[in-house]
Amino acid sequence: MKTIIFLLLSAIFLIGGCESTQSKSTPESQDEPVIIIDALPEPLTEVVEEDNVSDASKKLIFNTKLSVNPGQPNWVLFSNGTYILFPKGTSAGDMRQSALGILQRYSNQSFKVNKSPLVKGWVASTKNGIYNYVSLSQASSRQASNRELAGIGKKNVLKDKSNPIIIHINLPKQ
């Protein structure tokens, strides 16, 4: 009985806890996605084709899929676990271009850390919508402090900023 209650509470936390906590000043229509596009972002160093993804990258993609709220199916994942969410209806090209612009504008913001019951790791996130999956193997232990995990997340984001390699663009299946 305790296990069932724990699983139900975990599912509720996952669904409710992964939503953005930023308030919006004006309500937006569900039909009109907000798209942030830089006019002239720097070119990507490399975009890895899905067929050429390493086993480590496949594991990162899988864990990121489990970490992201299913209600937000549009996101871009970089090689060091950094990912950026986009509104439904955003095209792959717009997400690719915008993700690089958003990542390039990252300037040493602090990270908040959350643990998901579905993955062996944590998600470090900024208020500006930059997320980083921190795996259990990157932390010193399962009891790593939020400060340590936030530092690892920040280091991963800085690596992705300096050498942006997109390994996955997630779109809902049509």
N, C-alpha and C. Protein backbone atom coordinates (compact mmCIF):
# COMPACT_ATOMS: atom_id res chain seq x y z
N MET A 1 0.82 -1.18 0.00
CA MET A 1 0.00 0.00 0.00
C MET A 1 0.88 1.26 0.00
N LYS A 2 1.96 1.25 0.82
CA LYS A 2 2.86 2.39 0.86
C LYS A 2 3.53 2.59 -0.49
N THR A 3 3.85 1.49 -1.16
CA THR A 3 4.49 1.57 -2.47
C THR A 3 3.56 2.23 -3.48
N ILE A 4 2.30 1.87 -3.47
CA ILE A 4 1.34 2.46 -4.40
C ILE A 4 1.18 3.95 -4.14
N ILE A 5 1.09 4.33 -2.87
CA ILE A 5 0.97 5.74 -2.53
C ILE A 5 2.23 6.49 -2.97
N PHE A 6 3.41 5.90 -2.74
CA PHE A 6 4.65 6.53 -3.16
C PHE A 6 4.67 6.72 -4.67
N LEU A 7 4.27 5.70 -5.43
CA LEU A 7 4.27 5.81 -6.90
C LEU A 7 3.29 6.88 -7.37
N LEU A 8 2.11 6.94 -6.76
CA LEU A 8 1.13 7.96 -7.14
C LEU A 8 1.67 9.36 -6.83
N LEU A 9 2.25 9.54 -5.65
CA LEU A 9 2.80 10.85 -5.30
C LEU A 9 3.97 11.21 -6.21
N SER A 10 4.78 10.22 -6.58
CA SER A 10 5.90 10.47 -7.49
C SER A 10 5.40 10.92 -8.85
N ALA A 11 4.36 10.27 -9.36
CA ALA A 11 3.80 10.64 -10.66
C ALA A 11 3.21 12.04 -10.61
N ILE A 12 2.52 12.37 -9.52
CA ILE A 12 1.95 13.71 -9.38
C ILE A 12 3.06 14.75 -9.31
N PHE A 13 4.13 14.44 -8.56
CA PHE A 13 5.26 15.36 -8.48
C PHE A 13 5.90 15.56 -9.84
N LEU A 14 6.07 14.48 -10.60
CA LEU A 14 6.69 14.57 -11.92
C LEU A 14 5.86 15.43 -12.84
N ILE A 15 4.55 15.21 -12.85
CA ILE A 15 3.68 15.96 -13.75
C ILE A 15 3.59 17.41 -13.31
N GLY A 16 3.40 17.64 -12.04
CA GLY A 16 3.25 19.00 -11.55
C GLY A 16 4.55 19.72 -11.31
N GLY A 17 5.62 18.99 -10.99
CA GLY A 17 6.88 19.61 -10.61
C GLY A 17 7.75 20.02 -11.77
N CYS A 18 7.48 19.52 -12.97
CA CYS A 18 8.33 19.84 -14.10
C CYS A 18 7.84 21.05 -14.89
N GLU A 19 6.70 21.60 -14.53
CA GLU A 19 6.18 22.76 -15.23
C GLU A 19 7.03 23.98 -14.88
N SER A 20 7.05 24.95 -15.75
CA SER A 20 7.78 26.18 -15.51
C SER A 20 7.09 26.96 -14.40
N THR A 21 7.87 27.56 -13.52
CA THR A 21 7.31 28.34 -12.43
C THR A 21 7.31 29.83 -12.75
N GLN A 22 7.74 30.19 -13.94
CA GLN A 22 7.75 31.59 -14.30
C GLN A 22 6.33 32.05 -14.59
N SER A 23 5.98 33.22 -14.07
CA SER A 23 4.65 33.74 -14.35
C SER A 23 4.69 34.54 -15.64
N LYS A 24 3.58 34.52 -16.32
CA LYS A 24 3.49 35.24 -17.59
C LYS A 24 2.62 36.46 -17.38
N SER A 25 3.05 37.58 -17.95
CA SER A 25 2.31 38.81 -17.74
C SER A 25 1.04 38.86 -18.57
N THR A 26 1.05 38.25 -19.75
CA THR A 26 -0.15 38.23 -20.58
C THR A 26 -0.44 36.80 -20.98
N PRO A 27 -1.68 36.37 -20.90
CA PRO A 27 -2.00 35.00 -21.30
C PRO A 27 -1.82 34.85 -22.80
N GLU A 28 -1.32 33.70 -23.19
CA GLU A 28 -1.08 33.44 -24.59
C GLU A 28 -2.01 32.34 -25.07
N SER A 29 -2.35 32.40 -26.31
CA SER A 29 -3.22 31.40 -26.91
C SER A 29 -2.45 30.10 -27.08
N GLN A 30 -3.12 28.97 -26.91
CA GLN A 30 -2.49 27.66 -27.10
C GLN A 30 -2.11 27.46 -28.56
N ASP A 31 -2.80 28.15 -29.49
CA ASP A 31 -2.56 27.95 -30.92
C ASP A 31 -1.36 28.71 -31.43
N GLU A 32 -0.91 29.72 -30.71
CA GLU A 32 0.18 30.55 -31.18
C GLU A 32 1.42 30.34 -30.32
N PRO A 33 2.38 29.52 -30.77
CA PRO A 33 3.58 29.29 -29.96
C PRO A 33 4.48 30.53 -29.95
N VAL A 34 5.15 30.73 -28.84
CA VAL A 34 6.12 31.81 -28.73
C VAL A 34 7.45 31.24 -29.16
N ILE A 35 8.07 31.87 -30.13
CA ILE A 35 9.33 31.38 -30.67
C ILE A 35 10.37 32.47 -30.53
N ILE A 36 11.50 32.12 -29.93
CA ILE A 36 12.59 33.07 -29.77
C ILE A 36 13.64 32.71 -30.80
N ILE A 37 13.93 33.64 -31.69
CA ILE A 37 14.89 33.36 -32.76
C ILE A 37 15.93 34.48 -32.79
N ASP A 38 17.17 34.11 -32.75
CA ASP A 38 18.24 35.08 -32.94
C ASP A 38 18.40 35.31 -34.43
N ALA A 39 18.60 36.54 -34.82
CA ALA A 39 18.72 36.85 -36.24
C ALA A 39 19.95 36.18 -36.85
N LEU A 40 21.07 36.30 -36.21
CA LEU A 40 22.30 35.73 -36.76
C LEU A 40 23.09 35.01 -35.68
N PRO A 41 22.64 33.83 -35.23
CA PRO A 41 23.42 33.12 -34.22
C PRO A 41 24.69 32.55 -34.82
N GLU A 42 25.64 32.24 -33.95
CA GLU A 42 26.87 31.62 -34.43
C GLU A 42 26.54 30.24 -34.97
N PRO A 43 27.28 29.77 -35.97
CA PRO A 43 26.98 28.44 -36.51
C PRO A 43 27.31 27.34 -35.51
N LEU A 44 26.57 26.25 -35.60
CA LEU A 44 26.85 25.10 -34.74
C LEU A 44 28.16 24.46 -35.15
N THR A 45 28.88 23.96 -34.18
CA THR A 45 30.10 23.24 -34.48
C THR A 45 29.76 21.96 -35.22
N GLU A 46 28.71 21.29 -34.75
CA GLU A 46 28.34 20.01 -35.35
C GLU A 46 26.91 19.67 -34.91
N VAL A 47 26.17 19.05 -35.79
CA VAL A 47 24.89 18.48 -35.43
C VAL A 47 25.00 17.00 -35.74
N VAL A 48 24.89 16.17 -34.71
CA VAL A 48 25.07 14.74 -34.87
C VAL A 48 23.79 14.13 -35.43
N GLU A 49 23.91 13.36 -36.50
CA GLU A 49 22.76 12.66 -37.07
C GLU A 49 22.38 11.53 -36.13
N GLU A 50 21.07 11.25 -36.03
CA GLU A 50 20.57 10.23 -35.10
C GLU A 50 21.26 8.87 -35.28
N ASP A 51 21.60 8.49 -36.51
CA ASP A 51 22.22 7.19 -36.76
C ASP A 51 23.64 7.12 -36.22
N ASN A 52 24.30 8.26 -36.07
CA ASN A 52 25.70 8.30 -35.65
C ASN A 52 25.87 8.59 -34.16
N VAL A 53 24.82 8.47 -33.39
CA VAL A 53 24.88 8.78 -31.97
C VAL A 53 25.53 7.63 -31.20
N SER A 54 26.45 7.97 -30.30
CA SER A 54 27.14 6.96 -29.50
C SER A 54 26.19 6.36 -28.46
N ASP A 55 26.62 5.25 -27.86
CA ASP A 55 25.81 4.61 -26.81
C ASP A 55 25.62 5.54 -25.62
N ALA A 56 26.66 6.29 -25.26
CA ALA A 56 26.55 7.23 -24.14
C ALA A 56 25.53 8.33 -24.46
N SER A 57 25.53 8.79 -25.70
CA SER A 57 24.55 9.81 -26.11
C SER A 57 23.15 9.23 -26.13
N LYS A 58 23.00 7.98 -26.55
CA LYS A 58 21.68 7.34 -26.55
C LYS A 58 21.14 7.25 -25.12
N LYS A 59 22.01 6.94 -24.18
CA LYS A 59 21.61 6.86 -22.77
C LYS A 59 21.22 8.25 -22.26
N LEU A 60 21.97 9.28 -22.65
CA LEU A 60 21.66 10.64 -22.27
C LEU A 60 20.30 11.07 -22.85
N ILE A 61 20.05 10.74 -24.10
CA ILE A 61 18.77 11.06 -24.73
C ILE A 61 17.63 10.37 -23.99
N PHE A 62 17.81 9.09 -23.68
CA PHE A 62 16.78 8.32 -22.96
C PHE A 62 16.48 8.94 -21.60
N ASN A 63 17.52 9.24 -20.82
CA ASN A 63 17.33 9.82 -19.49
C ASN A 63 16.71 11.22 -19.57
N THR A 64 17.06 11.97 -20.58
CA THR A 64 16.48 13.30 -20.75
C THR A 64 15.00 13.18 -21.09
N LYS A 65 14.64 12.21 -21.94
CA LYS A 65 13.22 11.99 -22.26
C LYS A 65 12.43 11.68 -21.00
N LEU A 66 13.01 10.92 -20.08
CA LEU A 66 12.33 10.62 -18.83
C LEU A 66 12.27 11.83 -17.90
N SER A 67 13.21 12.74 -18.02
CA SER A 67 13.28 13.91 -17.14
C SER A 67 12.34 15.03 -17.56
N VAL A 68 12.04 15.10 -18.85
CA VAL A 68 11.20 16.19 -19.37
C VAL A 68 9.73 15.85 -19.20
N ASN A 69 8.96 16.83 -18.80
CA ASN A 69 7.51 16.67 -18.68
C ASN A 69 6.94 16.27 -20.05
N PRO A 70 6.14 15.19 -20.12
CA PRO A 70 5.58 14.76 -21.41
C PRO A 70 4.72 15.83 -22.08
N GLY A 71 4.24 16.80 -21.32
CA GLY A 71 3.45 17.89 -21.89
C GLY A 71 4.28 18.89 -22.66
N GLN A 72 5.61 18.76 -22.61
CA GLN A 72 6.50 19.65 -23.35
C GLN A 72 7.38 18.81 -24.27
N PRO A 73 6.82 18.36 -25.40
CA PRO A 73 7.54 17.42 -26.26
C PRO A 73 8.60 18.04 -27.16
N ASN A 74 8.69 19.36 -27.21
CA ASN A 74 9.66 20.01 -28.10
C ASN A 74 10.86 20.49 -27.30
N TRP A 75 12.03 19.89 -27.56
CA TRP A 75 13.25 20.31 -26.88
C TRP A 75 14.47 19.92 -27.69
N VAL A 76 15.57 20.61 -27.38
CA VAL A 76 16.86 20.40 -28.04
C VAL A 76 17.85 19.98 -26.97
N LEU A 77 18.62 18.91 -27.25
CA LEU A 77 19.60 18.38 -26.30
C LEU A 77 21.01 18.52 -26.86
N PHE A 78 21.90 19.08 -26.03
CA PHE A 78 23.31 19.22 -26.40
C PHE A 78 24.12 18.07 -25.80
N SER A 79 25.35 17.91 -26.24
CA SER A 79 26.18 16.75 -25.93
C SER A 79 26.55 16.59 -24.45
N ASN A 80 26.52 17.66 -23.67
CA ASN A 80 26.86 17.56 -22.25
C ASN A 80 25.63 17.57 -21.35
N GLY A 81 24.46 17.27 -21.92
CA GLY A 81 23.24 17.14 -21.14
C GLY A 81 22.41 18.40 -21.00
N THR A 82 22.83 19.49 -21.62
CA THR A 82 22.05 20.72 -21.57
C THR A 82 20.88 20.59 -22.53
N TYR A 83 19.69 20.97 -22.07
CA TYR A 83 18.54 20.97 -22.97
C TYR A 83 17.68 22.19 -22.74
N ILE A 84 16.98 22.57 -23.82
CA ILE A 84 16.14 23.76 -23.80
C ILE A 84 14.78 23.36 -24.35
N LEU A 85 13.73 23.75 -23.63
CA LEU A 85 12.35 23.42 -24.00
C LEU A 85 11.77 24.50 -24.90
N PHE A 86 10.86 24.07 -25.80
CA PHE A 86 10.19 24.99 -26.70
C PHE A 86 8.69 24.70 -26.72
N PRO A 87 7.89 25.70 -27.10
CA PRO A 87 6.44 25.48 -27.16
C PRO A 87 6.07 24.48 -28.25
N LYS A 88 4.93 23.84 -28.07
CA LYS A 88 4.42 22.92 -29.09
C LYS A 88 4.26 23.69 -30.40
N GLY A 89 4.52 23.01 -31.49
CA GLY A 89 4.36 23.63 -32.80
C GLY A 89 5.61 24.31 -33.32
N THR A 90 6.68 24.37 -32.54
CA THR A 90 7.92 24.98 -33.00
C THR A 90 8.62 24.01 -33.95
N SER A 91 9.11 24.51 -35.07
CA SER A 91 9.78 23.65 -36.05
C SER A 91 11.18 23.28 -35.57
N ALA A 92 11.70 22.19 -36.12
CA ALA A 92 13.04 21.72 -35.76
C ALA A 92 14.09 22.78 -36.10
N GLY A 93 13.95 23.43 -37.24
CA GLY A 93 14.90 24.47 -37.64
C GLY A 93 14.90 25.65 -36.69
N ASP A 94 13.69 26.08 -36.29
CA ASP A 94 13.60 27.20 -35.35
C ASP A 94 14.17 26.82 -33.98
N MET A 95 13.91 25.57 -33.56
CA MET A 95 14.44 25.12 -32.26
C MET A 95 15.96 25.07 -32.30
N ARG A 96 16.51 24.57 -33.38
CA ARG A 96 17.98 24.47 -33.51
C ARG A 96 18.60 25.86 -33.42
N GLN A 97 18.06 26.80 -34.17
CA GLN A 97 18.61 28.14 -34.22
C GLN A 97 18.43 28.86 -32.88
N SER A 98 17.26 28.75 -32.29
CA SER A 98 16.98 29.43 -31.03
C SER A 98 17.76 28.84 -29.86
N ALA A 99 17.91 27.51 -29.84
CA ALA A 99 18.62 26.86 -28.74
C ALA A 99 20.05 27.38 -28.64
N LEU A 100 20.69 27.53 -29.78
CA LEU A 100 22.06 28.05 -29.76
C LEU A 100 22.10 29.48 -29.26
N GLY A 101 21.14 30.30 -29.70
CA GLY A 101 21.08 31.68 -29.24
C GLY A 101 20.85 31.78 -27.74
N ILE A 102 19.93 30.97 -27.23
CA ILE A 102 19.64 30.98 -25.80
C ILE A 102 20.86 30.53 -25.01
N LEU A 103 21.51 29.48 -25.49
CA LEU A 103 22.70 28.96 -24.80
C LEU A 103 23.83 30.00 -24.82
N GLN A 104 24.00 30.68 -25.94
CA GLN A 104 25.07 31.68 -26.03
C GLN A 104 24.82 32.87 -25.12
N ARG A 105 23.56 33.14 -24.77
CA ARG A 105 23.24 34.26 -23.87
C ARG A 105 23.36 33.86 -22.40
N TYR A 106 23.61 32.60 -22.11
CA TYR A 106 23.75 32.17 -20.71
C TYR A 106 24.94 32.92 -20.10
N SER A 107 24.69 33.52 -18.91
CA SER A 107 25.77 34.30 -18.28
C SER A 107 25.81 34.05 -16.78
N ASN A 108 26.23 32.86 -16.41
CA ASN A 108 26.55 32.55 -15.02
C ASN A 108 25.37 32.65 -14.05
N GLN A 109 24.15 32.33 -14.51
CA GLN A 109 23.01 32.33 -13.60
C GLN A 109 23.11 31.14 -12.66
N SER A 110 22.43 31.23 -11.53
CA SER A 110 22.45 30.14 -10.57
C SER A 110 21.48 29.04 -10.99
N PHE A 111 21.69 27.85 -10.46
CA PHE A 111 20.90 26.68 -10.80
C PHE A 111 20.11 26.18 -9.60
N LYS A 112 18.94 25.68 -9.88
CA LYS A 112 18.10 24.99 -8.90
C LYS A 112 18.14 23.51 -9.28
N VAL A 113 18.17 22.61 -8.31
CA VAL A 113 18.30 21.18 -8.60
C VAL A 113 17.04 20.44 -8.17
N ASN A 114 16.56 19.55 -9.03
CA ASN A 114 15.42 18.69 -8.73
C ASN A 114 15.80 17.25 -9.01
N LYS A 115 15.27 16.33 -8.23
CA LYS A 115 15.47 14.90 -8.43
C LYS A 115 14.18 14.32 -8.99
N SER A 116 14.30 13.54 -10.05
CA SER A 116 13.14 12.87 -10.61
C SER A 116 13.14 11.42 -10.15
N PRO A 117 11.99 10.88 -9.80
CA PRO A 117 11.95 9.49 -9.36
C PRO A 117 12.16 8.50 -10.50
N LEU A 118 12.13 8.98 -11.75
CA LEU A 118 12.24 8.07 -12.89
C LEU A 118 13.66 7.88 -13.42
N VAL A 119 14.57 8.78 -13.09
CA VAL A 119 15.93 8.69 -13.64
C VAL A 119 16.96 8.59 -12.53
N LYS A 120 18.12 8.05 -12.87
CA LYS A 120 19.23 7.99 -11.92
C LYS A 120 20.09 9.23 -12.14
N GLY A 121 19.58 10.32 -11.62
CA GLY A 121 20.27 11.59 -11.78
C GLY A 121 19.37 12.73 -11.36
N TRP A 122 19.80 13.94 -11.69
CA TRP A 122 19.11 15.15 -11.29
C TRP A 122 18.99 16.09 -12.47
N VAL A 123 18.12 17.08 -12.34
CA VAL A 123 18.00 18.12 -13.36
C VAL A 123 18.32 19.45 -12.69
N ALA A 124 19.35 20.11 -13.19
CA ALA A 124 19.72 21.45 -12.73
C ALA A 124 19.12 22.43 -13.74
N SER A 125 18.48 23.49 -13.24
CA SER A 125 17.83 24.42 -14.16
C SER A 125 18.02 25.87 -13.72
N THR A 126 17.99 26.76 -14.70
CA THR A 126 18.04 28.20 -14.44
C THR A 126 16.64 28.77 -14.54
N LYS A 127 16.46 29.99 -14.07
CA LYS A 127 15.17 30.67 -14.21
C LYS A 127 14.88 30.97 -15.68
N ASN A 128 15.89 31.03 -16.51
CA ASN A 128 15.73 31.40 -17.92
C ASN A 128 15.44 30.20 -18.83
N GLY A 129 15.21 29.03 -18.25
CA GLY A 129 14.80 27.89 -19.06
C GLY A 129 15.92 27.06 -19.66
N ILE A 130 17.08 27.10 -19.06
CA ILE A 130 18.18 26.22 -19.48
C ILE A 130 18.25 25.10 -18.47
N TYR A 131 18.20 23.87 -18.94
CA TYR A 131 18.19 22.69 -18.07
C TYR A 131 19.43 21.86 -18.38
N ASN A 132 19.88 21.10 -17.37
CA ASN A 132 20.99 20.18 -17.58
C ASN A 132 20.75 18.92 -16.78
N TYR A 133 20.81 17.78 -17.48
CA TYR A 133 20.69 16.48 -16.81
C TYR A 133 22.04 16.12 -16.22
N VAL A 134 22.08 15.92 -14.91
CA VAL A 134 23.31 15.51 -14.20
C VAL A 134 23.13 14.05 -13.82
N SER A 135 23.96 13.19 -14.40
CA SER A 135 23.83 11.76 -14.15
C SER A 135 24.45 11.38 -12.81
N LEU A 136 24.04 10.23 -12.30
CA LEU A 136 24.57 9.71 -11.05
C LEU A 136 26.08 9.53 -11.14
N SER A 137 26.58 9.15 -12.31
CA SER A 137 28.02 8.92 -12.46
C SER A 137 28.83 10.22 -12.38
N GLN A 138 28.20 11.37 -12.60
CA GLN A 138 28.92 12.64 -12.51
C GLN A 138 29.03 13.14 -11.06
N ALA A 139 28.13 12.70 -10.21
CA ALA A 139 28.11 13.16 -8.81
C ALA A 139 29.05 12.30 -7.96
N SER A 140 29.43 12.84 -6.81
CA SER A 140 30.33 12.10 -5.93
C SER A 140 29.62 10.92 -5.26
N SER A 141 28.30 11.04 -5.07
CA SER A 141 27.53 9.96 -4.47
C SER A 141 26.05 10.23 -4.67
N ARG A 142 25.23 9.26 -4.25
CA ARG A 142 23.77 9.45 -4.33
C ARG A 142 23.29 10.55 -3.39
N GLN A 143 24.08 10.86 -2.38
CA GLN A 143 23.73 11.89 -1.42
C GLN A 143 24.46 13.21 -1.71
N ALA A 144 24.81 13.45 -2.95
CA ALA A 144 25.51 14.68 -3.31
C ALA A 144 24.64 15.89 -2.95
N SER A 145 25.29 16.95 -2.52
CA SER A 145 24.55 18.16 -2.13
C SER A 145 24.02 18.89 -3.35
N ASN A 146 22.98 19.66 -3.13
CA ASN A 146 22.42 20.47 -4.23
C ASN A 146 23.46 21.44 -4.77
N ARG A 147 24.33 21.93 -3.90
CA ARG A 147 25.38 22.85 -4.33
C ARG A 147 26.34 22.16 -5.31
N GLU A 148 26.74 20.93 -4.96
CA GLU A 148 27.64 20.16 -5.85
C GLU A 148 26.95 19.88 -7.19
N LEU A 149 25.68 19.45 -7.13
CA LEU A 149 24.94 19.12 -8.36
C LEU A 149 24.72 20.36 -9.22
N ALA A 150 24.43 21.50 -8.60
CA ALA A 150 24.26 22.75 -9.35
C ALA A 150 25.58 23.13 -10.02
N GLY A 151 26.70 22.92 -9.33
CA GLY A 151 28.01 23.21 -9.91
C GLY A 151 28.32 22.33 -11.11
N ILE A 152 27.95 21.06 -11.02
CA ILE A 152 28.15 20.15 -12.15
C ILE A 152 27.28 20.59 -13.32
N GLY A 153 26.02 20.93 -13.04
CA GLY A 153 25.12 21.40 -14.09
C GLY A 153 25.66 22.65 -14.77
N LYS A 154 26.16 23.58 -13.97
CA LYS A 154 26.71 24.82 -14.52
C LYS A 154 27.92 24.53 -15.40
N LYS A 155 28.80 23.63 -14.92
CA LYS A 155 30.00 23.27 -15.70
C LYS A 155 29.59 22.64 -17.04
N ASN A 156 28.57 21.77 -17.02
CA ASN A 156 28.11 21.13 -18.26
C ASN A 156 27.54 22.16 -19.24
N VAL A 157 26.77 23.13 -18.72
CA VAL A 157 26.21 24.17 -19.59
C VAL A 157 27.33 25.00 -20.21
N LEU A 158 28.34 25.34 -19.43
CA LEU A 158 29.47 26.11 -19.97
C LEU A 158 30.22 25.33 -21.04
N LYS A 159 30.35 24.01 -20.86
CA LYS A 159 30.98 23.17 -21.90
C LYS A 159 30.15 23.21 -23.18
N ASP A 160 28.82 23.08 -23.03
CA ASP A 160 27.96 23.12 -24.21
C ASP A 160 27.95 24.50 -24.86
N LYS A 161 28.09 25.53 -24.06
CA LYS A 161 28.14 26.89 -24.62
C LYS A 161 29.41 27.08 -25.45
N SER A 162 30.54 26.58 -24.95
CA SER A 162 31.81 26.77 -25.66
C SER A 162 31.96 25.84 -26.87
N ASN A 163 31.30 24.69 -26.84
CA ASN A 163 31.38 23.74 -27.96
C ASN A 163 30.00 23.12 -28.18
N PRO A 164 29.07 23.88 -28.81
CA PRO A 164 27.68 23.41 -28.94
C PRO A 164 27.50 22.31 -29.98
N ILE A 165 27.24 21.11 -29.48
CA ILE A 165 26.97 19.98 -30.37
C ILE A 165 25.58 19.45 -30.04
N ILE A 166 24.63 19.63 -30.94
CA ILE A 166 23.27 19.14 -30.73
C ILE A 166 23.26 17.65 -31.06
N ILE A 167 22.79 16.84 -30.09
CA ILE A 167 22.73 15.40 -30.35
C ILE A 167 21.30 14.91 -30.55
N HIS A 168 20.30 15.76 -30.21
CA HIS A 168 18.92 15.32 -30.39
C HIS A 168 17.99 16.53 -30.41
N ILE A 169 17.05 16.51 -31.35
CA ILE A 169 15.96 17.47 -31.38
C ILE A 169 14.69 16.66 -31.24
N ASN A 170 13.98 16.86 -30.16
CA ASN A 170 12.79 16.07 -29.87
C ASN A 170 11.54 16.78 -30.38
N LEU A 171 10.79 16.11 -31.22
CA LEU A 171 9.51 16.60 -31.74
C LEU A 171 8.46 15.54 -31.48
N PRO A 172 7.20 15.96 -31.23
CA PRO A 172 6.14 14.95 -31.05
C PRO A 172 5.91 14.18 -32.33
N LYS A 173 5.57 12.92 -32.16
CA LYS A 173 5.28 12.10 -33.35
C LYS A 173 3.94 12.53 -33.91
N GLN A 174 3.89 12.69 -35.21
CA GLN A 174 2.66 13.14 -35.86
C GLN A 174 1.74 11.99 -36.18
